[in-house]
Amino acid sequence: MKPLVYRKSRNVRGREPTRFKLHVGKGDVVRVIRGDDKGKEGKILHVYPKTFRVTVEGVNLVKKHKRATTPQGESGIIEFPAPIPASKVMLLDPKSGQPTRVRRRKDTDGTVERIAVKSGQAIPRPR
């Protein structure tokens, strides 16, 4: 009888990137286009480039039971926004306020600028 040989599964596509390039950043105002919270707008609180996810204010709210760590500490049920895939959100056009796709344009000084496809206006980076 032949001995069992366990082979490691090969990743067909190759190595996945360690960081994804996202079309949105922290502080951007976006609208959710898919899922339970479709149509909601909010500001991006946190960006996770390794997992291609973003946390949006007031979207995908989940509840967590928290136990007090000290006798004086508070316990209870806390509600906070959980991350959603970045592909489920779209940036809002600065002119019309509607969701739009984003292009990138390099200025003469070499900085990359985001351009709204619908209106052609530049989308400023929030700081």
N, C-alpha and C. Protein backbone atom coordinates (compact mmCIF):
# COMPACT_ATOMS: atom_id res chain seq x y z
N MET A 1 0.82 -1.17 0.00
CA MET A 1 0.00 0.00 0.00
C MET A 1 0.88 1.25 0.00
N LYS A 2 0.47 2.25 -0.79
CA LYS A 2 1.25 3.47 -0.89
C LYS A 2 1.08 4.31 0.37
N PRO A 3 2.14 4.99 0.78
CA PRO A 3 2.00 5.88 1.95
C PRO A 3 1.23 7.15 1.55
N LEU A 4 0.49 7.69 2.50
CA LEU A 4 -0.25 8.92 2.24
C LEU A 4 0.71 10.09 2.12
N VAL A 5 0.50 10.90 1.10
CA VAL A 5 1.33 12.08 0.89
C VAL A 5 0.44 13.29 0.99
N TYR A 6 0.74 14.17 1.93
CA TYR A 6 -0.03 15.39 2.10
C TYR A 6 0.68 16.52 1.37
N ARG A 7 0.01 17.07 0.38
CA ARG A 7 0.61 18.17 -0.37
C ARG A 7 0.02 19.48 0.12
N LYS A 8 0.87 20.48 0.15
CA LYS A 8 0.39 21.82 0.48
C LYS A 8 -0.37 22.36 -0.71
N SER A 9 -1.49 23.00 -0.44
CA SER A 9 -2.26 23.57 -1.55
C SER A 9 -1.51 24.77 -2.10
N ARG A 10 -1.47 24.86 -3.42
CA ARG A 10 -0.78 25.97 -4.07
C ARG A 10 -1.76 27.10 -4.31
N ASN A 11 -1.31 28.29 -4.05
CA ASN A 11 -2.12 29.46 -4.35
C ASN A 11 -2.00 29.71 -5.85
N VAL A 12 -3.10 29.54 -6.57
CA VAL A 12 -3.06 29.59 -8.02
C VAL A 12 -2.71 30.99 -8.53
N ARG A 13 -3.25 32.00 -7.88
CA ARG A 13 -3.00 33.36 -8.34
C ARG A 13 -1.61 33.87 -7.99
N GLY A 14 -0.94 33.22 -7.10
CA GLY A 14 0.33 33.73 -6.63
C GLY A 14 0.14 34.37 -5.27
N ARG A 15 1.08 35.17 -4.89
CA ARG A 15 1.00 35.80 -3.57
C ARG A 15 0.04 36.98 -3.59
N GLU A 16 -0.77 37.07 -2.57
CA GLU A 16 -1.69 38.20 -2.43
C GLU A 16 -0.89 39.42 -1.95
N PRO A 17 -1.30 40.61 -2.36
CA PRO A 17 -0.54 41.79 -1.92
C PRO A 17 -0.64 42.00 -0.41
N THR A 18 0.42 42.55 0.17
CA THR A 18 0.41 42.78 1.61
C THR A 18 -0.44 43.99 1.95
N ARG A 19 -0.55 44.93 1.02
CA ARG A 19 -1.38 46.12 1.23
C ARG A 19 -2.12 46.42 -0.05
N PHE A 20 -3.39 46.77 0.06
CA PHE A 20 -4.18 47.15 -1.10
C PHE A 20 -4.16 48.66 -1.24
N LYS A 21 -4.22 49.14 -2.47
CA LYS A 21 -4.31 50.58 -2.72
C LYS A 21 -5.79 50.94 -2.72
N LEU A 22 -6.19 51.81 -1.82
CA LEU A 22 -7.60 52.17 -1.66
C LEU A 22 -7.93 53.49 -2.32
N HIS A 23 -9.17 53.61 -2.78
CA HIS A 23 -9.64 54.84 -3.42
C HIS A 23 -10.16 55.85 -2.42
N VAL A 24 -10.22 55.47 -1.16
CA VAL A 24 -10.72 56.35 -0.10
C VAL A 24 -9.69 56.41 1.02
N GLY A 25 -9.82 57.42 1.85
CA GLY A 25 -8.92 57.58 2.98
C GLY A 25 -9.67 58.04 4.20
N LYS A 26 -8.96 58.13 5.30
CA LYS A 26 -9.56 58.54 6.56
C LYS A 26 -10.07 59.98 6.44
N GLY A 27 -11.31 60.19 6.87
CA GLY A 27 -11.88 61.53 6.83
C GLY A 27 -12.75 61.80 5.61
N ASP A 28 -12.70 60.92 4.59
CA ASP A 28 -13.53 61.10 3.40
C ASP A 28 -15.00 60.85 3.73
N VAL A 29 -15.89 61.57 3.05
CA VAL A 29 -17.32 61.33 3.21
C VAL A 29 -17.76 60.42 2.08
N VAL A 30 -18.36 59.28 2.44
CA VAL A 30 -18.72 58.25 1.46
C VAL A 30 -20.18 57.85 1.63
N ARG A 31 -20.69 57.14 0.62
CA ARG A 31 -22.03 56.56 0.68
C ARG A 31 -21.90 55.06 0.46
N VAL A 32 -22.64 54.28 1.26
CA VAL A 32 -22.63 52.82 1.14
C VAL A 32 -23.52 52.44 -0.04
N ILE A 33 -23.01 51.57 -0.94
CA ILE A 33 -23.76 51.22 -2.14
C ILE A 33 -24.29 49.79 -2.14
N ARG A 34 -23.90 48.98 -1.18
CA ARG A 34 -24.38 47.60 -1.08
C ARG A 34 -24.57 47.21 0.37
N GLY A 35 -25.44 46.24 0.60
CA GLY A 35 -25.59 45.67 1.94
C GLY A 35 -26.76 46.23 2.72
N ASP A 36 -26.81 45.88 3.99
CA ASP A 36 -27.90 46.28 4.87
C ASP A 36 -27.98 47.79 5.04
N ASP A 37 -26.85 48.46 5.02
CA ASP A 37 -26.80 49.91 5.26
C ASP A 37 -26.74 50.70 3.96
N LYS A 38 -27.27 50.14 2.87
CA LYS A 38 -27.23 50.79 1.57
C LYS A 38 -27.91 52.17 1.64
N GLY A 39 -27.23 53.19 1.09
CA GLY A 39 -27.76 54.53 1.06
C GLY A 39 -27.30 55.42 2.20
N LYS A 40 -26.72 54.84 3.23
CA LYS A 40 -26.25 55.64 4.36
C LYS A 40 -24.95 56.35 3.99
N GLU A 41 -24.80 57.56 4.53
CA GLU A 41 -23.58 58.33 4.31
C GLU A 41 -22.87 58.52 5.64
N GLY A 42 -21.56 58.64 5.57
CA GLY A 42 -20.79 58.87 6.79
C GLY A 42 -19.35 59.14 6.48
N LYS A 43 -18.63 59.52 7.52
CA LYS A 43 -17.22 59.81 7.41
C LYS A 43 -16.42 58.56 7.73
N ILE A 44 -15.32 58.34 7.01
CA ILE A 44 -14.48 57.17 7.26
C ILE A 44 -13.65 57.44 8.52
N LEU A 45 -13.78 56.51 9.48
CA LEU A 45 -13.06 56.64 10.75
C LEU A 45 -11.72 55.94 10.73
N HIS A 46 -11.66 54.80 10.03
CA HIS A 46 -10.43 54.00 10.02
C HIS A 46 -10.31 53.25 8.71
N VAL A 47 -9.08 53.10 8.20
CA VAL A 47 -8.82 52.39 6.95
C VAL A 47 -7.90 51.22 7.25
N TYR A 48 -8.23 50.05 6.72
CA TYR A 48 -7.42 48.85 6.90
C TYR A 48 -6.91 48.40 5.53
N PRO A 49 -5.74 48.88 5.07
CA PRO A 49 -5.26 48.53 3.73
C PRO A 49 -4.86 47.06 3.57
N LYS A 50 -4.51 46.38 4.66
CA LYS A 50 -4.13 44.97 4.55
C LYS A 50 -5.32 44.07 4.26
N THR A 51 -6.49 44.42 4.80
CA THR A 51 -7.67 43.58 4.61
C THR A 51 -8.68 44.19 3.65
N PHE A 52 -8.39 45.39 3.07
CA PHE A 52 -9.25 46.07 2.10
C PHE A 52 -10.61 46.41 2.72
N ARG A 53 -10.56 46.93 3.95
CA ARG A 53 -11.80 47.27 4.66
C ARG A 53 -11.70 48.69 5.22
N VAL A 54 -12.88 49.28 5.45
CA VAL A 54 -12.95 50.62 6.05
C VAL A 54 -14.04 50.63 7.12
N THR A 55 -13.89 51.50 8.11
CA THR A 55 -14.91 51.70 9.13
C THR A 55 -15.56 53.05 8.87
N VAL A 56 -16.90 53.04 8.70
CA VAL A 56 -17.64 54.26 8.39
C VAL A 56 -18.52 54.60 9.59
N GLU A 57 -18.56 55.89 9.90
CA GLU A 57 -19.31 56.39 11.04
C GLU A 57 -20.81 56.12 10.87
N GLY A 58 -21.42 55.41 11.83
CA GLY A 58 -22.85 55.14 11.81
C GLY A 58 -23.29 54.02 10.88
N VAL A 59 -22.35 53.25 10.36
CA VAL A 59 -22.66 52.17 9.41
C VAL A 59 -22.17 50.84 10.00
N ASN A 60 -22.96 49.78 9.81
CA ASN A 60 -22.63 48.43 10.27
C ASN A 60 -22.40 48.43 11.79
N LEU A 61 -23.36 48.96 12.52
CA LEU A 61 -23.24 49.03 13.97
C LEU A 61 -23.45 47.66 14.59
N VAL A 62 -22.55 47.27 15.46
CA VAL A 62 -22.64 45.98 16.15
C VAL A 62 -22.60 46.24 17.65
N LYS A 63 -23.14 45.27 18.40
CA LYS A 63 -23.17 45.39 19.86
C LYS A 63 -22.19 44.40 20.46
N LYS A 64 -21.53 44.84 21.52
CA LYS A 64 -20.55 43.99 22.20
C LYS A 64 -20.81 44.07 23.69
N HIS A 65 -20.82 42.92 24.35
CA HIS A 65 -21.01 42.88 25.79
C HIS A 65 -19.65 43.08 26.46
N LYS A 66 -19.56 44.11 27.28
CA LYS A 66 -18.29 44.45 27.91
C LYS A 66 -18.39 44.21 29.41
N ARG A 67 -17.44 43.47 29.93
CA ARG A 67 -17.37 43.21 31.37
C ARG A 67 -16.44 44.24 32.00
N ALA A 68 -16.74 44.66 33.21
CA ALA A 68 -15.90 45.63 33.91
C ALA A 68 -14.58 44.96 34.27
N THR A 69 -13.47 45.64 33.96
CA THR A 69 -12.15 45.07 34.27
C THR A 69 -11.73 45.36 35.70
N THR A 70 -12.28 46.43 36.26
CA THR A 70 -12.00 46.76 37.66
C THR A 70 -13.35 46.87 38.41
N PRO A 71 -13.34 46.80 39.71
CA PRO A 71 -14.61 46.93 40.45
C PRO A 71 -15.32 48.28 40.21
N GLN A 72 -14.54 49.34 39.94
CA GLN A 72 -15.14 50.64 39.69
C GLN A 72 -15.48 50.83 38.20
N GLY A 73 -14.99 49.96 37.33
CA GLY A 73 -15.19 50.10 35.89
C GLY A 73 -16.62 49.84 35.47
N GLU A 74 -16.97 50.33 34.30
CA GLU A 74 -18.32 50.16 33.79
C GLU A 74 -18.42 48.91 32.94
N SER A 75 -19.57 48.27 33.04
CA SER A 75 -19.85 47.13 32.17
C SER A 75 -21.17 47.41 31.48
N GLY A 76 -21.46 46.63 30.46
CA GLY A 76 -22.71 46.82 29.73
C GLY A 76 -22.57 46.48 28.27
N ILE A 77 -23.55 46.87 27.49
CA ILE A 77 -23.55 46.60 26.06
C ILE A 77 -23.14 47.87 25.34
N ILE A 78 -22.02 47.79 24.61
CA ILE A 78 -21.57 48.96 23.86
C ILE A 78 -21.84 48.72 22.38
N GLU A 79 -22.12 49.81 21.67
CA GLU A 79 -22.42 49.74 20.24
C GLU A 79 -21.35 50.52 19.50
N PHE A 80 -20.77 49.92 18.46
CA PHE A 80 -19.71 50.59 17.72
C PHE A 80 -19.75 50.13 16.25
N PRO A 81 -19.21 50.94 15.32
CA PRO A 81 -19.21 50.56 13.90
C PRO A 81 -18.12 49.52 13.62
N ALA A 82 -18.49 48.50 12.85
CA ALA A 82 -17.54 47.46 12.45
C ALA A 82 -17.09 47.73 11.01
N PRO A 83 -15.92 47.22 10.61
CA PRO A 83 -15.42 47.46 9.25
C PRO A 83 -16.29 46.79 8.18
N ILE A 84 -16.34 47.41 6.99
CA ILE A 84 -17.01 46.85 5.82
C ILE A 84 -16.02 46.87 4.67
N PRO A 85 -16.22 46.06 3.62
CA PRO A 85 -15.30 46.08 2.49
C PRO A 85 -15.27 47.45 1.81
N ALA A 86 -14.08 47.87 1.39
CA ALA A 86 -13.92 49.19 0.76
C ALA A 86 -14.63 49.26 -0.59
N SER A 87 -14.90 48.12 -1.21
CA SER A 87 -15.58 48.12 -2.51
C SER A 87 -17.06 48.45 -2.36
N LYS A 88 -17.58 48.44 -1.15
CA LYS A 88 -19.00 48.73 -0.90
C LYS A 88 -19.27 50.20 -0.64
N VAL A 89 -18.26 51.06 -0.71
CA VAL A 89 -18.45 52.49 -0.49
C VAL A 89 -17.95 53.28 -1.70
N MET A 90 -18.59 54.43 -1.95
CA MET A 90 -18.17 55.33 -3.02
C MET A 90 -18.02 56.74 -2.47
N LEU A 91 -17.00 57.42 -2.95
CA LEU A 91 -16.79 58.82 -2.58
C LEU A 91 -17.90 59.68 -3.13
N LEU A 92 -18.20 60.76 -2.45
CA LEU A 92 -19.24 61.68 -2.91
C LEU A 92 -18.62 62.80 -3.75
N ASP A 93 -19.31 63.13 -4.86
CA ASP A 93 -18.88 64.20 -5.75
C ASP A 93 -18.97 65.54 -5.01
N PRO A 94 -17.91 66.36 -5.04
CA PRO A 94 -17.98 67.64 -4.31
C PRO A 94 -18.98 68.61 -4.90
N LYS A 95 -19.32 68.47 -6.18
CA LYS A 95 -20.24 69.41 -6.83
C LYS A 95 -21.70 69.04 -6.58
N SER A 96 -22.06 67.76 -6.82
CA SER A 96 -23.47 67.35 -6.74
C SER A 96 -23.82 66.59 -5.47
N GLY A 97 -22.83 66.03 -4.80
CA GLY A 97 -23.11 65.24 -3.61
C GLY A 97 -23.53 63.82 -3.91
N GLN A 98 -23.44 63.40 -5.18
CA GLN A 98 -23.79 62.04 -5.59
C GLN A 98 -22.53 61.16 -5.57
N PRO A 99 -22.70 59.83 -5.42
CA PRO A 99 -21.54 58.94 -5.45
C PRO A 99 -20.88 58.96 -6.83
N THR A 100 -19.56 58.92 -6.85
CA THR A 100 -18.83 58.96 -8.10
C THR A 100 -17.59 58.07 -8.03
N ARG A 101 -17.15 57.62 -9.20
CA ARG A 101 -15.88 56.91 -9.29
C ARG A 101 -14.76 57.94 -9.24
N VAL A 102 -13.55 57.46 -9.06
CA VAL A 102 -12.42 58.36 -8.85
C VAL A 102 -11.32 58.06 -9.86
N ARG A 103 -10.76 59.12 -10.43
CA ARG A 103 -9.57 59.01 -11.27
C ARG A 103 -8.42 59.68 -10.54
N ARG A 104 -7.21 59.35 -10.94
CA ARG A 104 -6.04 60.00 -10.35
C ARG A 104 -5.34 60.79 -11.44
N ARG A 105 -4.90 61.98 -11.08
CA ARG A 105 -4.17 62.82 -12.02
C ARG A 105 -2.94 63.37 -11.31
N LYS A 106 -1.81 63.33 -12.01
CA LYS A 106 -0.58 63.84 -11.43
C LYS A 106 -0.41 65.30 -11.83
N ASP A 107 -0.21 66.16 -10.85
CA ASP A 107 -0.01 67.58 -11.10
C ASP A 107 1.41 67.84 -11.62
N THR A 108 1.66 69.09 -11.99
CA THR A 108 2.98 69.45 -12.50
C THR A 108 4.06 69.31 -11.43
N ASP A 109 3.67 69.53 -10.16
CA ASP A 109 4.66 69.41 -9.08
C ASP A 109 4.84 67.96 -8.62
N GLY A 110 4.07 67.02 -9.20
CA GLY A 110 4.25 65.60 -8.91
C GLY A 110 3.29 65.03 -7.90
N THR A 111 2.43 65.85 -7.31
CA THR A 111 1.46 65.32 -6.34
C THR A 111 0.29 64.70 -7.08
N VAL A 112 -0.25 63.63 -6.51
CA VAL A 112 -1.38 62.93 -7.11
C VAL A 112 -2.67 63.54 -6.59
N GLU A 113 -3.57 63.84 -7.51
CA GLU A 113 -4.83 64.47 -7.17
C GLU A 113 -5.96 63.54 -7.57
N ARG A 114 -7.00 63.46 -6.74
CA ARG A 114 -8.17 62.64 -7.06
C ARG A 114 -9.20 63.48 -7.79
N ILE A 115 -9.72 62.93 -8.89
CA ILE A 115 -10.68 63.64 -9.73
C ILE A 115 -11.99 62.85 -9.73
N ALA A 116 -13.12 63.54 -9.52
CA ALA A 116 -14.43 62.91 -9.60
C ALA A 116 -14.78 62.70 -11.06
N VAL A 117 -15.20 61.47 -11.42
CA VAL A 117 -15.50 61.15 -12.81
C VAL A 117 -16.74 61.90 -13.28
N LYS A 118 -17.75 62.06 -12.42
CA LYS A 118 -19.00 62.69 -12.83
C LYS A 118 -18.83 64.16 -13.18
N SER A 119 -18.16 64.93 -12.32
CA SER A 119 -18.07 66.36 -12.55
C SER A 119 -16.72 66.82 -13.06
N GLY A 120 -15.69 66.02 -12.87
CA GLY A 120 -14.35 66.41 -13.29
C GLY A 120 -13.64 67.30 -12.28
N GLN A 121 -14.26 67.55 -11.13
CA GLN A 121 -13.65 68.39 -10.11
C GLN A 121 -12.71 67.59 -9.22
N ALA A 122 -11.75 68.28 -8.67
CA ALA A 122 -10.80 67.65 -7.76
C ALA A 122 -11.47 67.39 -6.41
N ILE A 123 -11.17 66.23 -5.83
CA ILE A 123 -11.66 65.87 -4.50
C ILE A 123 -10.54 66.15 -3.52
N PRO A 124 -10.72 67.10 -2.62
CA PRO A 124 -9.62 67.43 -1.69
C PRO A 124 -9.40 66.32 -0.68
N ARG A 125 -8.15 66.15 -0.29
CA ARG A 125 -7.82 65.16 0.74
C ARG A 125 -8.08 65.78 2.10
N PRO A 126 -8.87 65.13 2.94
CA PRO A 126 -9.11 65.69 4.28
C PRO A 126 -7.88 65.52 5.15
N ARG A 127 -7.58 66.52 5.94
CA ARG A 127 -6.43 66.45 6.85
C ARG A 127 -6.86 66.81 8.24
